[in-house]
């Protein structure tokens, strides 16, 4: 067993498929599932427990299509498209490189804020169900 493992590995493919399907549908990489824990003494995890896990992540180079479609400014749309190719001032958006991009410009931070808040609003029912 991997020292960081807390869930059954056979449950991962279906969960990953949910993330991919959600992203393909345009709403961002969002999924939830009830997963069974595996014992992990290093982290104090007891095996055999059912845990509902909700997961929302930034997936590069893919940005949620619903977000791109909602952008009114064509220059910003082009900048987001360039970022997916690793080009321009928004390269690696939305998952900026945590080693080489430790400091964001005001424009990068505002675009990331806009994207994050859009994902929450666009998936409000999912977030309410998960947090309710």
N, C-alpha and C. Protein backbone atom coordinates (compact mmCIF):
# COMPACT_ATOMS: atom_id res chain seq x y z
N UNK A 1 0.85 -1.19 0.00
CA UNK A 1 0.00 0.00 0.00
C UNK A 1 0.89 1.25 0.00
N UNK A 2 0.47 2.24 -0.74
CA UNK A 2 1.15 3.53 -0.77
C UNK A 2 0.87 4.25 0.54
N UNK A 3 1.88 4.93 1.09
CA UNK A 3 1.72 5.54 2.42
C UNK A 3 0.66 6.63 2.47
N UNK A 4 0.25 7.17 1.34
CA UNK A 4 -0.76 8.22 1.34
C UNK A 4 -2.14 7.70 0.93
N UNK A 5 -2.26 6.41 0.66
CA UNK A 5 -3.52 5.84 0.20
C UNK A 5 -4.54 5.78 1.33
N UNK A 6 -5.74 6.28 1.05
CA UNK A 6 -6.83 6.22 2.03
C UNK A 6 -8.12 5.66 1.44
N UNK A 7 -8.18 5.49 0.11
CA UNK A 7 -9.36 4.92 -0.54
C UNK A 7 -8.96 3.72 -1.38
N UNK A 8 -9.94 2.85 -1.66
CA UNK A 8 -9.69 1.66 -2.45
C UNK A 8 -9.32 2.06 -3.88
N UNK A 9 -8.20 1.54 -4.39
CA UNK A 9 -7.76 1.94 -5.73
C UNK A 9 -8.74 1.55 -6.84
N UNK A 10 -9.50 0.49 -6.65
CA UNK A 10 -10.44 0.07 -7.69
C UNK A 10 -11.60 1.05 -7.87
N UNK A 11 -11.79 1.97 -6.92
CA UNK A 11 -12.84 2.98 -7.05
C UNK A 11 -12.39 4.20 -7.85
N UNK A 12 -11.08 4.32 -8.08
CA UNK A 12 -10.56 5.51 -8.74
C UNK A 12 -11.00 5.66 -10.19
N UNK A 13 -10.99 4.62 -11.03
CA UNK A 13 -11.35 4.83 -12.44
C UNK A 13 -12.74 5.45 -12.64
N UNK A 14 -13.73 5.00 -11.90
CA UNK A 14 -15.08 5.57 -12.05
C UNK A 14 -15.11 7.02 -11.58
N UNK A 15 -14.38 7.32 -10.52
CA UNK A 15 -14.33 8.69 -10.01
C UNK A 15 -13.63 9.60 -11.02
N UNK A 16 -12.51 9.14 -11.58
CA UNK A 16 -11.78 9.91 -12.59
C UNK A 16 -12.64 10.12 -13.83
N UNK A 17 -13.42 9.10 -14.20
CA UNK A 17 -14.31 9.24 -15.36
C UNK A 17 -15.36 10.31 -15.12
N UNK A 18 -15.86 10.41 -13.89
CA UNK A 18 -16.82 11.47 -13.56
C UNK A 18 -16.20 12.85 -13.76
N UNK A 19 -14.95 13.02 -13.31
CA UNK A 19 -14.24 14.29 -13.49
C UNK A 19 -14.11 14.62 -14.97
N UNK A 20 -13.71 13.62 -15.76
CA UNK A 20 -13.54 13.84 -17.20
C UNK A 20 -14.88 14.15 -17.87
N UNK A 21 -15.93 13.44 -17.51
CA UNK A 21 -17.25 13.67 -18.10
C UNK A 21 -17.76 15.07 -17.77
N UNK A 22 -17.56 15.49 -16.53
CA UNK A 22 -17.99 16.82 -16.11
C UNK A 22 -17.26 17.90 -16.90
N UNK A 23 -15.97 17.73 -17.07
CA UNK A 23 -15.18 18.70 -17.82
C UNK A 23 -15.62 18.70 -19.29
N UNK A 24 -15.85 17.52 -19.85
CA UNK A 24 -16.28 17.42 -21.25
C UNK A 24 -17.64 18.08 -21.47
N UNK A 25 -18.48 18.07 -20.44
CA UNK A 25 -19.81 18.69 -20.54
C UNK A 25 -19.74 20.21 -20.41
N UNK A 26 -18.56 20.75 -20.13
CA UNK A 26 -18.37 22.19 -20.09
C UNK A 26 -18.40 22.83 -18.73
N UNK A 27 -18.66 22.06 -17.68
CA UNK A 27 -18.85 22.66 -16.36
C UNK A 27 -17.67 22.60 -15.42
N UNK A 28 -16.51 22.22 -15.88
CA UNK A 28 -15.35 22.09 -15.00
C UNK A 28 -15.23 20.67 -14.49
N UNK A 29 -14.08 20.34 -13.94
CA UNK A 29 -13.80 18.99 -13.43
C UNK A 29 -14.35 18.87 -12.02
N UNK A 30 -15.59 18.35 -11.92
CA UNK A 30 -16.29 18.25 -10.65
C UNK A 30 -16.92 16.87 -10.54
N UNK A 31 -16.73 16.23 -9.40
CA UNK A 31 -17.30 14.89 -9.20
C UNK A 31 -17.52 14.64 -7.72
N UNK A 32 -18.40 13.68 -7.44
CA UNK A 32 -18.57 13.23 -6.06
C UNK A 32 -18.89 11.75 -6.07
N UNK A 33 -18.53 11.10 -5.00
CA UNK A 33 -18.78 9.66 -4.87
C UNK A 33 -18.67 9.28 -3.40
N UNK A 34 -19.29 8.19 -3.05
CA UNK A 34 -19.09 7.61 -1.74
C UNK A 34 -18.03 6.53 -1.91
N UNK A 35 -16.90 6.73 -1.24
CA UNK A 35 -15.75 5.84 -1.37
C UNK A 35 -15.50 5.13 -0.05
N UNK A 36 -14.92 3.95 -0.15
CA UNK A 36 -14.59 3.18 1.05
C UNK A 36 -13.12 3.39 1.41
N UNK A 37 -12.88 3.64 2.69
CA UNK A 37 -11.50 3.84 3.13
C UNK A 37 -10.76 2.51 3.26
N UNK A 38 -9.44 2.62 3.15
CA UNK A 38 -8.56 1.49 3.46
C UNK A 38 -7.75 1.92 4.68
N UNK A 39 -7.39 0.97 5.50
CA UNK A 39 -6.64 1.28 6.72
C UNK A 39 -5.31 1.92 6.36
N UNK A 40 -4.97 2.99 7.05
CA UNK A 40 -3.70 3.67 6.87
C UNK A 40 -3.26 4.17 8.24
N UNK A 41 -2.45 3.37 8.90
CA UNK A 41 -2.01 3.69 10.27
C UNK A 41 -1.20 4.98 10.31
N UNK A 42 -0.44 5.26 9.25
CA UNK A 42 0.39 6.47 9.23
C UNK A 42 -0.45 7.74 9.32
N UNK A 43 -1.68 7.67 8.84
CA UNK A 43 -2.55 8.85 8.88
C UNK A 43 -3.76 8.66 9.77
N UNK A 44 -3.80 7.56 10.51
CA UNK A 44 -4.90 7.32 11.45
C UNK A 44 -6.23 7.03 10.79
N UNK A 45 -6.20 6.47 9.58
CA UNK A 45 -7.44 6.18 8.86
C UNK A 45 -7.85 4.74 9.12
N UNK A 46 -9.09 4.56 9.52
CA UNK A 46 -9.66 3.24 9.75
C UNK A 46 -10.24 2.74 8.44
N UNK A 47 -9.99 1.50 8.11
CA UNK A 47 -10.51 0.93 6.87
C UNK A 47 -11.99 0.58 6.96
N UNK A 48 -12.65 0.50 5.79
CA UNK A 48 -14.02 0.06 5.72
C UNK A 48 -15.08 1.11 5.98
N UNK A 49 -14.70 2.35 6.06
CA UNK A 49 -15.69 3.42 6.30
C UNK A 49 -16.12 4.03 4.97
N UNK A 50 -17.38 4.35 4.87
CA UNK A 50 -17.91 5.02 3.68
C UNK A 50 -17.78 6.54 3.88
N UNK A 51 -17.14 7.18 2.92
CA UNK A 51 -16.90 8.62 2.99
C UNK A 51 -17.41 9.25 1.69
N UNK A 52 -18.25 10.26 1.82
CA UNK A 52 -18.68 10.99 0.63
C UNK A 52 -17.64 12.05 0.32
N UNK A 53 -17.09 11.97 -0.87
CA UNK A 53 -16.03 12.87 -1.29
C UNK A 53 -16.51 13.70 -2.46
N UNK A 54 -16.40 15.00 -2.33
CA UNK A 54 -16.68 15.93 -3.43
C UNK A 54 -15.37 16.54 -3.86
N UNK A 55 -15.17 16.65 -5.15
CA UNK A 55 -13.88 17.09 -5.66
C UNK A 55 -14.10 18.05 -6.82
N UNK A 56 -13.50 19.21 -6.74
CA UNK A 56 -13.54 20.22 -7.80
C UNK A 56 -12.11 20.64 -8.04
N UNK A 57 -11.64 20.52 -9.28
CA UNK A 57 -10.24 20.84 -9.54
C UNK A 57 -10.08 21.65 -10.81
N UNK A 58 -8.96 22.34 -10.89
CA UNK A 58 -8.57 23.01 -12.12
C UNK A 58 -7.86 21.98 -12.98
N UNK A 59 -8.27 21.85 -14.21
CA UNK A 59 -7.68 20.88 -15.11
C UNK A 59 -7.03 21.62 -16.28
N UNK A 60 -5.74 21.44 -16.43
CA UNK A 60 -5.09 22.07 -17.58
C UNK A 60 -4.76 21.00 -18.59
N UNK A 61 -4.74 21.29 -19.86
CA UNK A 61 -4.92 22.64 -20.44
C UNK A 61 -6.38 22.99 -20.70
N UNK A 62 -7.31 22.21 -20.20
CA UNK A 62 -8.72 22.42 -20.50
C UNK A 62 -9.37 23.36 -19.49
N UNK A 63 -9.97 24.41 -20.00
CA UNK A 63 -10.75 25.34 -19.18
C UNK A 63 -12.21 25.03 -19.45
N UNK A 64 -13.05 25.11 -18.44
CA UNK A 64 -14.47 24.81 -18.60
C UNK A 64 -15.04 25.60 -19.78
N UNK A 65 -15.62 24.87 -20.73
CA UNK A 65 -16.15 25.48 -21.94
C UNK A 65 -17.25 26.49 -21.62
N UNK A 66 -18.03 26.24 -20.58
CA UNK A 66 -19.09 27.17 -20.19
C UNK A 66 -18.51 28.53 -19.81
N UNK A 67 -17.34 28.52 -19.17
CA UNK A 67 -16.67 29.76 -18.78
C UNK A 67 -16.23 30.52 -20.02
N UNK A 68 -15.57 29.83 -20.93
CA UNK A 68 -15.08 30.48 -22.15
C UNK A 68 -16.24 31.06 -22.94
N UNK A 69 -17.34 30.32 -23.04
CA UNK A 69 -18.51 30.79 -23.77
C UNK A 69 -19.11 32.04 -23.13
N UNK A 70 -18.97 32.16 -21.82
CA UNK A 70 -19.56 33.30 -21.10
C UNK A 70 -18.69 34.56 -21.19
N UNK A 71 -17.45 34.42 -21.62
CA UNK A 71 -16.58 35.58 -21.72
C UNK A 71 -17.06 36.51 -22.83
N UNK A 72 -17.27 37.78 -22.50
CA UNK A 72 -17.77 38.74 -23.48
C UNK A 72 -16.65 39.37 -24.29
N UNK A 73 -15.46 39.44 -23.72
CA UNK A 73 -14.34 40.12 -24.36
C UNK A 73 -13.55 39.13 -25.22
N UNK A 74 -13.47 39.39 -26.52
CA UNK A 74 -12.77 38.49 -27.44
C UNK A 74 -11.28 38.42 -27.15
N UNK A 75 -10.68 39.51 -26.67
CA UNK A 75 -9.26 39.49 -26.34
C UNK A 75 -8.99 38.54 -25.17
N UNK A 76 -9.88 38.54 -24.19
CA UNK A 76 -9.73 37.64 -23.05
C UNK A 76 -9.93 36.19 -23.51
N UNK A 77 -10.92 35.95 -24.36
CA UNK A 77 -11.11 34.60 -24.91
C UNK A 77 -9.85 34.11 -25.61
N UNK A 78 -9.22 34.98 -26.40
CA UNK A 78 -8.00 34.60 -27.10
C UNK A 78 -6.87 34.35 -26.11
N UNK A 79 -6.78 35.15 -25.07
CA UNK A 79 -5.74 34.97 -24.06
C UNK A 79 -5.91 33.64 -23.35
N UNK A 80 -7.15 33.24 -23.07
CA UNK A 80 -7.41 31.95 -22.43
C UNK A 80 -7.04 30.82 -23.39
N UNK A 81 -7.35 30.97 -24.68
CA UNK A 81 -6.98 29.96 -25.68
C UNK A 81 -5.46 29.85 -25.78
N UNK A 82 -4.77 30.98 -25.78
CA UNK A 82 -3.30 30.97 -25.82
C UNK A 82 -2.73 30.29 -24.58
N UNK A 83 -3.36 30.53 -23.43
CA UNK A 83 -2.88 29.94 -22.17
C UNK A 83 -2.91 28.42 -22.24
N UNK A 84 -3.92 27.86 -22.90
CA UNK A 84 -4.02 26.40 -23.04
C UNK A 84 -2.85 25.84 -23.83
N UNK A 85 -2.26 26.67 -24.69
CA UNK A 85 -1.08 26.27 -25.46
C UNK A 85 0.22 26.67 -24.77
N UNK A 86 0.12 27.16 -23.53
CA UNK A 86 1.30 27.57 -22.77
C UNK A 86 1.89 28.89 -23.22
N UNK A 87 1.09 29.71 -23.89
CA UNK A 87 1.57 30.98 -24.44
C UNK A 87 0.95 32.16 -23.71
N UNK A 88 1.59 33.28 -23.81
CA UNK A 88 1.01 34.53 -23.35
C UNK A 88 1.10 34.75 -21.84
N UNK A 89 0.49 35.83 -21.41
CA UNK A 89 0.54 36.25 -20.02
C UNK A 89 -0.28 35.40 -19.07
N UNK A 90 -1.13 34.52 -19.62
CA UNK A 90 -1.94 33.64 -18.78
C UNK A 90 -1.53 32.18 -18.92
N UNK A 91 -0.29 31.94 -19.39
CA UNK A 91 0.19 30.57 -19.58
C UNK A 91 -0.07 29.73 -18.33
N UNK A 92 -0.56 28.52 -18.55
CA UNK A 92 -0.89 27.54 -17.50
C UNK A 92 -2.19 27.83 -16.77
N UNK A 93 -2.92 28.87 -17.17
CA UNK A 93 -4.22 29.15 -16.56
C UNK A 93 -5.13 27.96 -16.77
N UNK A 94 -5.89 27.53 -15.79
CA UNK A 94 -6.09 28.11 -14.47
C UNK A 94 -5.17 27.53 -13.39
N UNK A 95 -4.41 26.50 -13.74
CA UNK A 95 -3.55 25.85 -12.74
C UNK A 95 -2.12 26.35 -12.94
N UNK A 96 -1.88 27.55 -12.48
CA UNK A 96 -0.56 28.14 -12.64
C UNK A 96 0.51 27.25 -12.00
N UNK A 97 1.70 27.28 -12.58
CA UNK A 97 2.82 26.46 -12.11
C UNK A 97 3.26 26.96 -10.73
N UNK A 98 3.17 26.10 -9.73
CA UNK A 98 3.48 26.52 -8.36
C UNK A 98 4.97 26.64 -8.09
N UNK A 99 5.81 26.32 -9.06
CA UNK A 99 7.25 26.52 -8.89
C UNK A 99 7.72 27.77 -9.61
N UNK A 100 7.18 28.02 -10.80
CA UNK A 100 7.67 29.15 -11.59
C UNK A 100 6.72 30.35 -11.59
N UNK A 101 5.51 30.16 -11.10
CA UNK A 101 4.52 31.25 -11.11
C UNK A 101 3.99 31.49 -9.70
N UNK A 102 4.90 31.73 -8.78
CA UNK A 102 4.53 31.92 -7.38
C UNK A 102 3.89 33.28 -7.13
N UNK A 103 4.09 34.20 -8.04
CA UNK A 103 3.53 35.54 -7.88
C UNK A 103 2.72 35.84 -9.14
N UNK A 104 1.43 36.12 -8.95
CA UNK A 104 0.56 36.40 -10.09
C UNK A 104 0.40 37.90 -10.29
N UNK A 105 0.25 38.29 -11.55
CA UNK A 105 -0.05 39.69 -11.84
C UNK A 105 -1.50 39.97 -11.44
N UNK A 106 -1.87 41.21 -11.40
CA UNK A 106 -3.25 41.56 -11.09
C UNK A 106 -4.23 40.94 -12.08
N UNK A 107 -3.86 40.95 -13.36
CA UNK A 107 -4.73 40.38 -14.39
C UNK A 107 -4.87 38.87 -14.22
N UNK A 108 -3.77 38.19 -13.90
CA UNK A 108 -3.83 36.74 -13.68
C UNK A 108 -4.72 36.41 -12.48
N UNK A 109 -4.55 37.17 -11.41
CA UNK A 109 -5.34 36.93 -10.20
C UNK A 109 -6.83 37.19 -10.46
N UNK A 110 -7.15 38.24 -11.19
CA UNK A 110 -8.56 38.55 -11.48
C UNK A 110 -9.19 37.49 -12.39
N UNK A 111 -8.43 37.00 -13.36
CA UNK A 111 -8.97 35.95 -14.23
C UNK A 111 -9.21 34.68 -13.43
N UNK A 112 -8.28 34.34 -12.55
CA UNK A 112 -8.44 33.16 -11.71
C UNK A 112 -9.64 33.33 -10.76
N UNK A 113 -9.80 34.50 -10.20
CA UNK A 113 -10.97 34.78 -9.35
C UNK A 113 -12.26 34.65 -10.15
N UNK A 114 -12.28 35.20 -11.34
CA UNK A 114 -13.47 35.11 -12.19
C UNK A 114 -13.80 33.66 -12.52
N UNK A 115 -12.78 32.89 -12.84
CA UNK A 115 -12.99 31.48 -13.19
C UNK A 115 -13.52 30.69 -12.00
N UNK A 116 -12.90 30.87 -10.85
CA UNK A 116 -13.31 30.16 -9.65
C UNK A 116 -14.75 30.49 -9.28
N UNK A 117 -15.08 31.78 -9.27
CA UNK A 117 -16.44 32.16 -8.90
C UNK A 117 -17.44 31.69 -9.96
N UNK A 118 -17.05 31.67 -11.24
CA UNK A 118 -17.93 31.16 -12.27
C UNK A 118 -18.23 29.68 -12.04
N UNK A 119 -17.20 28.89 -11.74
CA UNK A 119 -17.41 27.46 -11.51
C UNK A 119 -18.37 27.21 -10.35
N UNK A 120 -18.24 27.99 -9.29
CA UNK A 120 -19.13 27.83 -8.14
C UNK A 120 -20.56 28.20 -8.53
N UNK A 121 -20.73 29.33 -9.22
CA UNK A 121 -22.08 29.74 -9.63
C UNK A 121 -22.67 28.78 -10.64
N UNK A 122 -21.87 28.33 -11.62
CA UNK A 122 -22.36 27.46 -12.68
C UNK A 122 -22.73 26.07 -12.14
N UNK A 123 -22.12 25.70 -11.02
CA UNK A 123 -22.38 24.39 -10.40
C UNK A 123 -22.98 24.56 -9.02
N UNK A 124 -23.78 25.61 -8.83
CA UNK A 124 -24.32 25.94 -7.51
C UNK A 124 -25.10 24.79 -6.90
N UNK A 125 -25.90 24.10 -7.68
CA UNK A 125 -26.70 23.00 -7.12
C UNK A 125 -25.80 21.89 -6.57
N UNK A 126 -24.71 21.61 -7.29
CA UNK A 126 -23.77 20.57 -6.82
C UNK A 126 -23.12 21.01 -5.51
N UNK A 127 -22.63 22.26 -5.46
CA UNK A 127 -21.99 22.75 -4.24
C UNK A 127 -22.98 22.77 -3.07
N UNK A 128 -24.21 23.19 -3.31
CA UNK A 128 -25.21 23.19 -2.24
C UNK A 128 -25.50 21.79 -1.74
N UNK A 129 -25.57 20.83 -2.65
CA UNK A 129 -25.81 19.43 -2.24
C UNK A 129 -24.63 18.90 -1.44
N UNK A 130 -23.42 19.25 -1.86
CA UNK A 130 -22.23 18.75 -1.16
C UNK A 130 -22.06 19.41 0.21
N UNK A 131 -22.36 20.69 0.29
CA UNK A 131 -22.12 21.44 1.52
C UNK A 131 -23.35 21.56 2.41
N UNK A 132 -24.52 21.25 1.82
CA UNK A 132 -25.79 21.45 2.53
C UNK A 132 -25.88 20.69 3.81
